[in-house]
């Protein structure tokens, strides 16, 4: 799990291998990232490219934009 705060923000999930990004916003970053991780691990994420890259074993980085 990522060590993040419960903060409202705009965030970016970066695929380290491809440098592709997913940008989202949330009122609670910790809860939102937990949701991403849960759906990715259960092969149910709505962003098909993010799910595909996760299934390939790619690594990701989180960046807070605002």
PDB file of N, CA and C in Angstrom:
ATOM      1  N   UNK A   1       0.859  -1.188   0.000  1.00  0.00           N
ATOM      2  CA  UNK A   1       0.000   0.000   0.000  1.00  0.00           C
ATOM      3  C   UNK A   1       0.894   1.236   0.000  1.00  0.00           C
ATOM      4  N   UNK A   2       0.425   2.256  -0.653  1.00  0.00           N
ATOM      5  CA  UNK A   2       1.169   3.507  -0.680  1.00  0.00           C
ATOM      6  C   UNK A   2       0.974   4.240   0.632  1.00  0.00           C
ATOM      7  N   UNK A   3       2.039   4.877   1.115  1.00  0.00           N
ATOM      8  CA  UNK A   3       1.976   5.663   2.339  1.00  0.00           C
ATOM      9  C   UNK A   3       1.595   7.094   1.962  1.00  0.00           C
ATOM     10  N   UNK A   4       0.297   7.400   2.024  1.00  0.00           N
ATOM     11  CA  UNK A   4      -0.198   8.715   1.630  1.00  0.00           C
ATOM     12  C   UNK A   4      -1.146   9.255   2.692  1.00  0.00           C
ATOM     13  N   UNK A   5      -1.378  10.551   2.641  1.00  0.00           N
ATOM     14  CA  UNK A   5      -2.262  11.214   3.588  1.00  0.00           C
ATOM     15  C   UNK A   5      -3.707  11.194   3.102  1.00  0.00           C
ATOM     16  N   UNK A   6      -4.623  11.454   4.043  1.00  0.00           N
ATOM     17  CA  UNK A   6      -6.045  11.610   3.726  1.00  0.00           C
ATOM     18  C   UNK A   6      -6.277  13.052   3.290  1.00  0.00           C
ATOM     19  N   UNK A   7      -5.933  13.368   2.064  1.00  0.00           N
ATOM     20  CA  UNK A   7      -6.035  14.755   1.601  1.00  0.00           C
ATOM     21  C   UNK A   7      -6.833  14.833   0.305  1.00  0.00           C
ATOM     22  N   UNK A   8      -7.517  15.954   0.095  1.00  0.00           N
ATOM     23  CA  UNK A   8      -8.124  16.180  -1.219  1.00  0.00           C
ATOM     24  C   UNK A   8      -7.027  16.623  -2.185  1.00  0.00           C
ATOM     25  N   UNK A   9      -7.065  16.102  -3.401  1.00  0.00           N
ATOM     26  CA  UNK A   9      -6.015  16.476  -4.350  1.00  0.00           C
ATOM     27  C   UNK A   9      -6.342  15.999  -5.756  1.00  0.00           C
ATOM     28  N   UNK A  10      -5.547  16.472  -6.682  1.00  0.00           N
ATOM     29  CA  UNK A  10      -5.487  15.928  -8.029  1.00  0.00           C
ATOM     30  C   UNK A  10      -4.187  15.132  -8.060  1.00  0.00           C
ATOM     31  N   UNK A  11      -4.265  13.900  -8.516  1.00  0.00           N
ATOM     32  CA  UNK A  11      -3.107  13.011  -8.454  1.00  0.00           C
ATOM     33  C   UNK A  11      -2.857  12.375  -9.817  1.00  0.00           C
ATOM     34  N   UNK A  12      -1.673  11.815  -9.939  1.00  0.00           N
ATOM     35  CA  UNK A  12      -1.303  11.138 -11.173  1.00  0.00           C
ATOM     36  C   UNK A  12      -0.669   9.799 -10.821  1.00  0.00           C
ATOM     37  N   UNK A  13      -1.114   8.752 -11.494  1.00  0.00           N
ATOM     38  CA  UNK A  13      -0.500   7.434 -11.384  1.00  0.00           C
ATOM     39  C   UNK A  13       0.332   7.256 -12.642  1.00  0.00           C
ATOM     40  N   UNK A  14       1.627   7.071 -12.476  1.00  0.00           N
ATOM     41  CA  UNK A  14       2.551   7.007 -13.610  1.00  0.00           C
ATOM     42  C   UNK A  14       3.069   5.582 -13.760  1.00  0.00           C
ATOM     43  N   UNK A  15       2.950   5.041 -14.962  1.00  0.00           N
ATOM     44  CA  UNK A  15       3.547   3.756 -15.274  1.00  0.00           C
ATOM     45  C   UNK A  15       5.045   4.018 -15.498  1.00  0.00           C
ATOM     46  N   UNK A  16       5.880   3.421 -14.677  1.00  0.00           N
ATOM     47  CA  UNK A  16       7.313   3.693 -14.735  1.00  0.00           C
ATOM     48  C   UNK A  16       7.919   3.221 -16.059  1.00  0.00           C
ATOM     49  N   UNK A  17       7.448   2.099 -16.594  1.00  0.00           N
ATOM     50  CA  UNK A  17       8.016   1.557 -17.835  1.00  0.00           C
ATOM     51  C   UNK A  17       7.609   2.380 -19.056  1.00  0.00           C
ATOM     52  N   UNK A  18       6.326   2.692 -19.179  1.00  0.00           N
ATOM     53  CA  UNK A  18       5.832   3.343 -20.385  1.00  0.00           C
ATOM     54  C   UNK A  18       5.725   4.861 -20.248  1.00  0.00           C
ATOM     55  N   UNK A  19       5.758   5.352 -19.016  1.00  0.00           N
ATOM     56  CA  UNK A  19       5.568   6.769 -18.702  1.00  0.00           C
ATOM     57  C   UNK A  19       4.160   7.261 -19.028  1.00  0.00           C
ATOM     58  N   UNK A  20       3.212   6.352 -19.246  1.00  0.00           N
ATOM     59  CA  UNK A  20       1.816   6.745 -19.412  1.00  0.00           C
ATOM     60  C   UNK A  20       1.254   7.134 -18.057  1.00  0.00           C
ATOM     61  N   UNK A  21       0.259   8.023 -18.074  1.00  0.00           N
ATOM     62  CA  UNK A  21      -0.297   8.537 -16.825  1.00  0.00           C
ATOM     63  C   UNK A  21      -1.809   8.384 -16.756  1.00  0.00           C
ATOM     64  N   UNK A  22      -2.272   8.195 -15.551  1.00  0.00           N
ATOM     65  CA  UNK A  22      -3.705   8.253 -15.223  1.00  0.00           C
ATOM     66  C   UNK A  22      -3.832   9.419 -14.268  1.00  0.00           C
ATOM     67  N   UNK A  23      -4.720  10.366 -14.557  1.00  0.00           N
ATOM     68  CA  UNK A  23      -4.918  11.519 -13.684  1.00  0.00           C
ATOM     69  C   UNK A  23      -6.320  11.461 -13.110  1.00  0.00           C
ATOM     70  N   UNK A  24      -6.405  11.683 -11.810  1.00  0.00           N
ATOM     71  CA  UNK A  24      -7.689  11.652 -11.133  1.00  0.00           C
ATOM     72  C   UNK A  24      -7.753  12.711 -10.047  1.00  0.00           C
ATOM     73  N   UNK A  25      -8.935  12.876  -9.475  1.00  0.00           N
ATOM     74  CA  UNK A  25      -9.080  13.781  -8.336  1.00  0.00           C
ATOM     75  C   UNK A  25      -9.895  13.090  -7.270  1.00  0.00           C
ATOM     76  N   UNK A  26      -9.708  13.516  -6.038  1.00  0.00           N
ATOM     77  CA  UNK A  26     -10.376  12.861  -4.925  1.00  0.00           C
ATOM     78  C   UNK A  26     -10.472  13.791  -3.725  1.00  0.00           C
ATOM     79  N   UNK A  27     -11.380  13.477  -2.840  1.00  0.00           N
ATOM     80  CA  UNK A  27     -11.482  14.187  -1.563  1.00  0.00           C
ATOM     81  C   UNK A  27     -10.636  13.501  -0.496  1.00  0.00           C
ATOM     82  N   UNK A  28     -10.245  12.235  -0.750  1.00  0.00           N
ATOM     83  CA  UNK A  28      -9.448  11.477   0.212  1.00  0.00           C
ATOM     84  C   UNK A  28      -8.505  10.556  -0.566  1.00  0.00           C
ATOM     85  N   UNK A  29      -7.248  10.946  -0.656  1.00  0.00           N
ATOM     86  CA  UNK A  29      -6.288  10.223  -1.485  1.00  0.00           C
ATOM     87  C   UNK A  29      -6.058   8.792  -0.996  1.00  0.00           C
ATOM     88  N   UNK A  30      -5.929   8.598   0.292  1.00  0.00           N
ATOM     89  CA  UNK A  30      -5.674   7.250   0.807  1.00  0.00           C
ATOM     90  C   UNK A  30      -6.792   6.283   0.413  1.00  0.00           C
ATOM     91  N   UNK A  31      -8.033   6.713   0.590  1.00  0.00           N
ATOM     92  CA  UNK A  31      -9.176   5.870   0.249  1.00  0.00           C
ATOM     93  C   UNK A  31      -9.243   5.618  -1.254  1.00  0.00           C
ATOM     94  N   UNK A  32      -8.981   6.641  -2.043  1.00  0.00           N
ATOM     95  CA  UNK A  32      -9.056   6.500  -3.506  1.00  0.00           C
ATOM     96  C   UNK A  32      -8.004   5.535  -4.031  1.00  0.00           C
ATOM     97  N   UNK A  33      -6.779   5.660  -3.522  1.00  0.00           N
ATOM     98  CA  UNK A  33      -5.728   4.752  -3.971  1.00  0.00           C
ATOM     99  C   UNK A  33      -6.015   3.322  -3.530  1.00  0.00           C
ATOM    100  N   UNK A  34      -6.581   3.152  -2.352  1.00  0.00           N
ATOM    101  CA  UNK A  34      -6.970   1.812  -1.899  1.00  0.00           C
ATOM    102  C   UNK A  34      -7.998   1.222  -2.862  1.00  0.00           C
ATOM    103  N   UNK A  35      -8.913   2.062  -3.355  1.00  0.00           N
ATOM    104  CA  UNK A  35      -9.898   1.614  -4.336  1.00  0.00           C
ATOM    105  C   UNK A  35      -9.251   1.196  -5.645  1.00  0.00           C
ATOM    106  N   UNK A  36      -8.287   1.987  -6.104  1.00  0.00           N
ATOM    107  CA  UNK A  36      -7.561   1.624  -7.330  1.00  0.00           C
ATOM    108  C   UNK A  36      -6.866   0.276  -7.143  1.00  0.00           C
ATOM    109  N   UNK A  37      -6.160   0.129  -6.055  1.00  0.00           N
ATOM    110  CA  UNK A  37      -5.408  -1.099  -5.805  1.00  0.00           C
ATOM    111  C   UNK A  37      -6.345  -2.301  -5.727  1.00  0.00           C
ATOM    112  N   UNK A  38      -7.451  -2.147  -5.037  1.00  0.00           N
ATOM    113  CA  UNK A  38      -8.415  -3.244  -4.889  1.00  0.00           C
ATOM    114  C   UNK A  38      -8.948  -3.690  -6.250  1.00  0.00           C
ATOM    115  N   UNK A  39      -9.378  -2.719  -7.068  1.00  0.00           N
ATOM    116  CA  UNK A  39      -9.948  -3.099  -8.366  1.00  0.00           C
ATOM    117  C   UNK A  39      -8.881  -3.654  -9.307  1.00  0.00           C
ATOM    118  N   UNK A  40      -7.660  -3.128  -9.239  1.00  0.00           N
ATOM    119  CA  UNK A  40      -6.587  -3.666 -10.075  1.00  0.00           C
ATOM    120  C   UNK A  40      -6.257  -5.107  -9.688  1.00  0.00           C
ATOM    121  N   UNK A  41      -6.143  -5.371  -8.396  1.00  0.00           N
ATOM    122  CA  UNK A  41      -5.823  -6.724  -7.937  1.00  0.00           C
ATOM    123  C   UNK A  41      -6.925  -7.719  -8.272  1.00  0.00           C
ATOM    124  N   UNK A  42      -8.165  -7.233  -8.384  1.00  0.00           N
ATOM    125  CA  UNK A  42      -9.298  -8.104  -8.704  1.00  0.00           C
ATOM    126  C   UNK A  42      -9.665  -8.077 -10.186  1.00  0.00           C
ATOM    127  N   UNK A  43      -8.793  -7.476 -11.002  1.00  0.00           N
ATOM    128  CA  UNK A  43      -8.955  -7.424 -12.456  1.00  0.00           C
ATOM    129  C   UNK A  43     -10.282  -6.772 -12.863  1.00  0.00           C
ATOM    130  N   UNK A  44     -10.650  -5.692 -12.165  1.00  0.00           N
ATOM    131  CA  UNK A  44     -11.928  -5.035 -12.429  1.00  0.00           C
ATOM    132  C   UNK A  44     -11.808  -3.513 -12.589  1.00  0.00           C
ATOM    133  N   UNK A  45     -10.615  -3.022 -12.834  1.00  0.00           N
ATOM    134  CA  UNK A  45     -10.457  -1.570 -12.963  1.00  0.00           C
ATOM    135  C   UNK A  45     -11.107  -1.100 -14.257  1.00  0.00           C
ATOM    136  N   UNK A  46     -11.799   0.022 -14.186  1.00  0.00           N
ATOM    137  CA  UNK A  46     -12.525   0.532 -15.359  1.00  0.00           C
ATOM    138  C   UNK A  46     -11.608   1.103 -16.431  1.00  0.00           C
ATOM    139  N   UNK A  47     -10.362   1.449 -16.081  1.00  0.00           N
ATOM    140  CA  UNK A  47      -9.408   1.945 -17.071  1.00  0.00           C
ATOM    141  C   UNK A  47      -8.650   0.731 -17.620  1.00  0.00           C
ATOM    142  N   UNK A  48      -9.010   0.323 -18.815  1.00  0.00           N
ATOM    143  CA  UNK A  48      -8.493  -0.925 -19.376  1.00  0.00           C
ATOM    144  C   UNK A  48      -6.983  -0.881 -19.586  1.00  0.00           C
ATOM    145  N   UNK A  49      -6.442   0.241 -20.005  1.00  0.00           N
ATOM    146  CA  UNK A  49      -4.994   0.324 -20.220  1.00  0.00           C
ATOM    147  C   UNK A  49      -4.235   0.202 -18.901  1.00  0.00           C
ATOM    148  N   UNK A  50      -4.732   0.865 -17.853  1.00  0.00           N
ATOM    149  CA  UNK A  50      -4.103   0.751 -16.537  1.00  0.00           C
ATOM    150  C   UNK A  50      -4.174  -0.693 -16.047  1.00  0.00           C
ATOM    151  N   UNK A  51      -5.319  -1.337 -16.240  1.00  0.00           N
ATOM    152  CA  UNK A  51      -5.481  -2.732 -15.828  1.00  0.00           C
ATOM    153  C   UNK A  51      -4.540  -3.645 -16.601  1.00  0.00           C
ATOM    154  N   UNK A  52      -4.432  -3.431 -17.898  1.00  0.00           N
ATOM    155  CA  UNK A  52      -3.544  -4.249 -18.727  1.00  0.00           C
ATOM    156  C   UNK A  52      -2.090  -4.109 -18.270  1.00  0.00           C
ATOM    157  N   UNK A  53      -1.653  -2.871 -18.042  1.00  0.00           N
ATOM    158  CA  UNK A  53      -0.273  -2.642 -17.600  1.00  0.00           C
ATOM    159  C   UNK A  53      -0.030  -3.271 -16.231  1.00  0.00           C
ATOM    160  N   UNK A  54      -0.996  -3.169 -15.335  1.00  0.00           N
ATOM    161  CA  UNK A  54      -0.886  -3.786 -14.021  1.00  0.00           C
ATOM    162  C   UNK A  54      -0.765  -5.301 -14.166  1.00  0.00           C
ATOM    163  N   UNK A  55      -1.592  -5.891 -15.025  1.00  0.00           N
ATOM    164  CA  UNK A  55      -1.557  -7.339 -15.235  1.00  0.00           C
ATOM    165  C   UNK A  55      -0.227  -7.805 -15.830  1.00  0.00           C
ATOM    166  N   UNK A  56       0.433  -6.933 -16.587  1.00  0.00           N
ATOM    167  CA  UNK A  56       1.745  -7.258 -17.154  1.00  0.00           C
ATOM    168  C   UNK A  56       2.857  -7.184 -16.113  1.00  0.00           C
ATOM    169  N   UNK A  57       2.539  -6.653 -14.930  1.00  0.00           N
ATOM    170  CA  UNK A  57       3.527  -6.554 -13.864  1.00  0.00           C
ATOM    171  C   UNK A  57       4.254  -5.226 -13.818  1.00  0.00           C
ATOM    172  N   UNK A  58       3.765  -4.242 -14.562  1.00  0.00           N
ATOM    173  CA  UNK A  58       4.410  -2.927 -14.548  1.00  0.00           C
ATOM    174  C   UNK A  58       4.349  -2.309 -13.155  1.00  0.00           C
ATOM    175  N   UNK A  59       5.313  -1.442 -12.866  1.00  0.00           N
ATOM    176  CA  UNK A  59       5.353  -0.733 -11.599  1.00  0.00           C
ATOM    177  C   UNK A  59       4.846   0.691 -11.812  1.00  0.00           C
ATOM    178  N   UNK A  60       4.292   1.265 -10.737  1.00  0.00           N
ATOM    179  CA  UNK A  60       3.675   2.581 -10.817  1.00  0.00           C
ATOM    180  C   UNK A  60       4.187   3.486  -9.720  1.00  0.00           C
ATOM    181  N   UNK A  61       4.069   4.773  -9.984  1.00  0.00           N
ATOM    182  CA  UNK A  61       4.466   5.810  -9.047  1.00  0.00           C
ATOM    183  C   UNK A  61       3.299   6.766  -8.888  1.00  0.00           C
ATOM    184  N   UNK A  62       3.109   7.313  -7.699  1.00  0.00           N
ATOM    185  CA  UNK A  62       2.038   8.279  -7.434  1.00  0.00           C
ATOM    186  C   UNK A  62       2.641   9.661  -7.286  1.00  0.00           C
ATOM    187  N   UNK A  63       1.998  10.653  -7.906  1.00  0.00           N
ATOM    188  CA  UNK A  63       2.445  12.042  -7.804  1.00  0.00           C
ATOM    189  C   UNK A  63       1.232  12.906  -7.504  1.00  0.00           C
ATOM    190  N   UNK A  64       1.361  13.780  -6.517  1.00  0.00           N
ATOM    191  CA  UNK A  64       0.288  14.724  -6.208  1.00  0.00           C
ATOM    192  C   UNK A  64       0.523  15.976  -7.029  1.00  0.00           C
ATOM    193  N   UNK A  65      -0.464  16.347  -7.845  1.00  0.00           N
ATOM    194  CA  UNK A  65      -0.321  17.508  -8.728  1.00  0.00           C
ATOM    195  C   UNK A  65      -0.793  18.784  -8.058  1.00  0.00           C
ATOM    196  N   UNK A  66      -1.957  18.730  -7.390  1.00  0.00           N
ATOM    197  CA  UNK A  66      -2.517  19.922  -6.730  1.00  0.00           C
ATOM    198  C   UNK A  66      -3.105  19.499  -5.412  1.00  0.00           C
TER     199      UNK A  66
END
